[in-house]
Amino acid sequence: MNKYELAVVVSAVIEDDARTAVVDKCKALVERFGGKIADVDEWGKKKLAYEIEKMTEGFYYFIHFEAEGDAIAEIENRIRIMDGVIRYLCVRQDEA
């Protein structure tokens, strides 16, 4: 099992409960494909570096988890089409 960090930028124009539901869906996807979530780091509302879909702000979440390498492609495929997610990035954390 490798350690990963999933960064998710959620739309700032949706309601608080809908935003929480999006993050819960992301966590459920990780667990569904055999991942074990270590923690979720919420950074809150931040200004985006550039305008995305006519939005200038988004809510940032970082989900740290352990999973097998083949599960990452499935997780990314599901998050790519998820409503409310503007951007995402999953990176492997090397043990240095």
C-alpha atoms as a PDB file:
ATOM      1  CA  MET A   1       0.000   0.000   0.000  1.00  0.00           C
ATOM      2  CA  ASN A   2       1.243   3.440  -0.982  1.00  0.00           C
ATOM      3  CA  LYS A   3       0.459   6.766   0.643  1.00  0.00           C
ATOM      4  CA  TYR A   4      -1.437   9.318  -1.449  1.00  0.00           C
ATOM      5  CA  GLU A   5      -2.792  12.823  -1.122  1.00  0.00           C
ATOM      6  CA  LEU A   6      -5.965  13.758  -2.986  1.00  0.00           C
ATOM      7  CA  ALA A   7      -6.443  17.512  -3.398  1.00  0.00           C
ATOM      8  CA  VAL A   8     -10.007  18.498  -4.262  1.00  0.00           C
ATOM      9  CA  VAL A   9     -11.231  22.008  -5.084  1.00  0.00           C
ATOM     10  CA  VAL A  10     -14.987  22.237  -4.523  1.00  0.00           C
ATOM     11  CA  SER A  11     -17.170  24.951  -6.016  1.00  0.00           C
ATOM     12  CA  ALA A  12     -17.774  27.946  -3.755  1.00  0.00           C
ATOM     13  CA  VAL A  13     -21.263  28.606  -5.160  1.00  0.00           C
ATOM     14  CA  ILE A  14     -22.924  25.452  -3.788  1.00  0.00           C
ATOM     15  CA  GLU A  15     -24.511  25.259  -0.333  1.00  0.00           C
ATOM     16  CA  ASP A  16     -22.587  24.102   2.754  1.00  0.00           C
ATOM     17  CA  ASP A  17     -24.430  20.785   3.046  1.00  0.00           C
ATOM     18  CA  ALA A  18     -23.910  20.051  -0.675  1.00  0.00           C
ATOM     19  CA  ARG A  19     -20.199  20.808  -0.278  1.00  0.00           C
ATOM     20  CA  THR A  20     -19.990  18.431   2.662  1.00  0.00           C
ATOM     21  CA  ALA A  21     -21.774  15.773   0.590  1.00  0.00           C
ATOM     22  CA  VAL A  22     -19.195  16.163  -2.211  1.00  0.00           C
ATOM     23  CA  VAL A  23     -16.311  15.640   0.218  1.00  0.00           C
ATOM     24  CA  ASP A  24     -18.097  12.639   1.771  1.00  0.00           C
ATOM     25  CA  LYS A  25     -18.532  11.157  -1.719  1.00  0.00           C
ATOM     26  CA  CYS A  26     -14.805  11.557  -2.346  1.00  0.00           C
ATOM     27  CA  LYS A  27     -13.985   9.821   0.931  1.00  0.00           C
ATOM     28  CA  ALA A  28     -16.476   7.040   0.131  1.00  0.00           C
ATOM     29  CA  LEU A  29     -14.826   6.514  -3.268  1.00  0.00           C
ATOM     30  CA  VAL A  30     -11.426   6.099  -1.650  1.00  0.00           C
ATOM     31  CA  GLU A  31     -12.805   3.546   0.801  1.00  0.00           C
ATOM     32  CA  ARG A  32     -14.810   1.775  -1.915  1.00  0.00           C
ATOM     33  CA  PHE A  33     -11.642   0.987  -3.865  1.00  0.00           C
ATOM     34  CA  GLY A  34      -9.751  -0.342  -0.847  1.00  0.00           C
ATOM     35  CA  GLY A  35      -8.192   2.840   0.492  1.00  0.00           C
ATOM     36  CA  LYS A  36      -7.746   3.675   4.160  1.00  0.00           C
ATOM     37  CA  ILE A  37      -8.211   7.355   4.954  1.00  0.00           C
ATOM     38  CA  ALA A  38      -5.687   8.790   7.400  1.00  0.00           C
ATOM     39  CA  ASP A  39      -7.093  12.309   7.665  1.00  0.00           C
ATOM     40  CA  VAL A  40      -8.890  15.104   5.830  1.00  0.00           C
ATOM     41  CA  ASP A  41      -7.375  18.569   5.891  1.00  0.00           C
ATOM     42  CA  GLU A  42      -9.823  21.393   5.157  1.00  0.00           C
ATOM     43  CA  TRP A  43      -8.200  24.658   4.076  1.00  0.00           C
ATOM     44  CA  GLY A  44     -11.439  26.546   3.584  1.00  0.00           C
ATOM     45  CA  LYS A  45     -12.290  29.108   0.919  1.00  0.00           C
ATOM     46  CA  LYS A  46      -9.308  30.348  -1.078  1.00  0.00           C
ATOM     47  CA  LYS A  47      -8.860  32.501  -4.152  1.00  0.00           C
ATOM     48  CA  LEU A  48      -8.107  30.494  -7.276  1.00  0.00           C
ATOM     49  CA  ALA A  49      -4.945  31.246  -9.266  1.00  0.00           C
ATOM     50  CA  TYR A  50      -7.089  31.745 -12.368  1.00  0.00           C
ATOM     51  CA  GLU A  51     -10.782  31.830 -13.191  1.00  0.00           C
ATOM     52  CA  ILE A  52     -12.378  28.393 -13.646  1.00  0.00           C
ATOM     53  CA  GLU A  53     -15.936  28.129 -14.971  1.00  0.00           C
ATOM     54  CA  LYS A  54     -16.462  31.842 -14.169  1.00  0.00           C
ATOM     55  CA  MET A  55     -15.493  31.254 -10.503  1.00  0.00           C
ATOM     56  CA  THR A  56     -12.641  32.949  -8.694  1.00  0.00           C
ATOM     57  CA  GLU A  57     -12.864  31.094  -5.349  1.00  0.00           C
ATOM     58  CA  GLY A  58     -13.125  27.500  -4.216  1.00  0.00           C
ATOM     59  CA  PHE A  59     -12.993  25.348  -1.093  1.00  0.00           C
ATOM     60  CA  TYR A  60      -9.817  23.286  -0.757  1.00  0.00           C
ATOM     61  CA  TYR A  61      -9.738  19.801   0.797  1.00  0.00           C
ATOM     62  CA  PHE A  62      -6.774  17.443   1.123  1.00  0.00           C
ATOM     63  CA  ILE A  63      -7.528  13.769   1.765  1.00  0.00           C
ATOM     64  CA  HIS A  64      -4.551  11.676   2.909  1.00  0.00           C
ATOM     65  CA  PHE A  65      -4.959   7.932   2.417  1.00  0.00           C
ATOM     66  CA  GLU A  66      -3.261   4.618   1.703  1.00  0.00           C
ATOM     67  CA  ALA A  67      -4.265   2.499  -1.283  1.00  0.00           C
ATOM     68  CA  GLU A  68      -2.985   0.160  -3.964  1.00  0.00           C
ATOM     69  CA  GLY A  69      -1.684   1.766  -7.153  1.00  0.00           C
ATOM     70  CA  ASP A  70      -4.419   0.402  -9.424  1.00  0.00           C
ATOM     71  CA  ALA A  71      -7.178   1.989  -7.304  1.00  0.00           C
ATOM     72  CA  ILE A  72      -6.011   5.525  -8.115  1.00  0.00           C
ATOM     73  CA  ALA A  73      -7.158   5.418 -11.741  1.00  0.00           C
ATOM     74  CA  GLU A  74     -10.647   4.324 -10.684  1.00  0.00           C
ATOM     75  CA  ILE A  75     -10.880   7.020  -8.023  1.00  0.00           C
ATOM     76  CA  GLU A  76      -9.774   9.724 -10.477  1.00  0.00           C
ATOM     77  CA  ASN A  77     -12.237   8.531 -13.142  1.00  0.00           C
ATOM     78  CA  ARG A  78     -15.137   8.879 -10.688  1.00  0.00           C
ATOM     79  CA  ILE A  79     -14.042  12.256  -9.281  1.00  0.00           C
ATOM     80  CA  ARG A  80     -13.534  13.670 -12.799  1.00  0.00           C
ATOM     81  CA  ILE A  81     -17.302  13.519 -13.498  1.00  0.00           C
ATOM     82  CA  MET A  82     -18.496  14.475 -10.016  1.00  0.00           C
ATOM     83  CA  ASP A  83     -20.695  17.575  -9.725  1.00  0.00           C
ATOM     84  CA  GLY A  84     -19.301  20.317  -7.517  1.00  0.00           C
ATOM     85  CA  VAL A  85     -15.639  19.400  -8.047  1.00  0.00           C
ATOM     86  CA  ILE A  86     -13.820  22.053 -10.078  1.00  0.00           C
ATOM     87  CA  ARG A  87     -10.323  20.546  -9.931  1.00  0.00           C
ATOM     88  CA  TYR A  88      -8.602  17.559  -8.329  1.00  0.00           C
ATOM     89  CA  LEU A  89      -5.114  16.116  -8.115  1.00  0.00           C
ATOM     90  CA  CYS A  90      -3.954  12.832  -6.647  1.00  0.00           C
ATOM     91  CA  VAL A  91      -0.251  12.467  -5.902  1.00  0.00           C
ATOM     92  CA  ARG A  92       1.794   9.729  -4.309  1.00  0.00           C
ATOM     93  CA  GLN A  93       3.718  10.778  -1.227  1.00  0.00           C
ATOM     94  CA  ASP A  94       7.246   9.424  -1.230  1.00  0.00           C
ATOM     95  CA  GLU A  95       8.772   8.317   2.009  1.00  0.00           C
ATOM     96  CA  ALA A  96      11.906  10.450   2.162  1.00  0.00           C
END
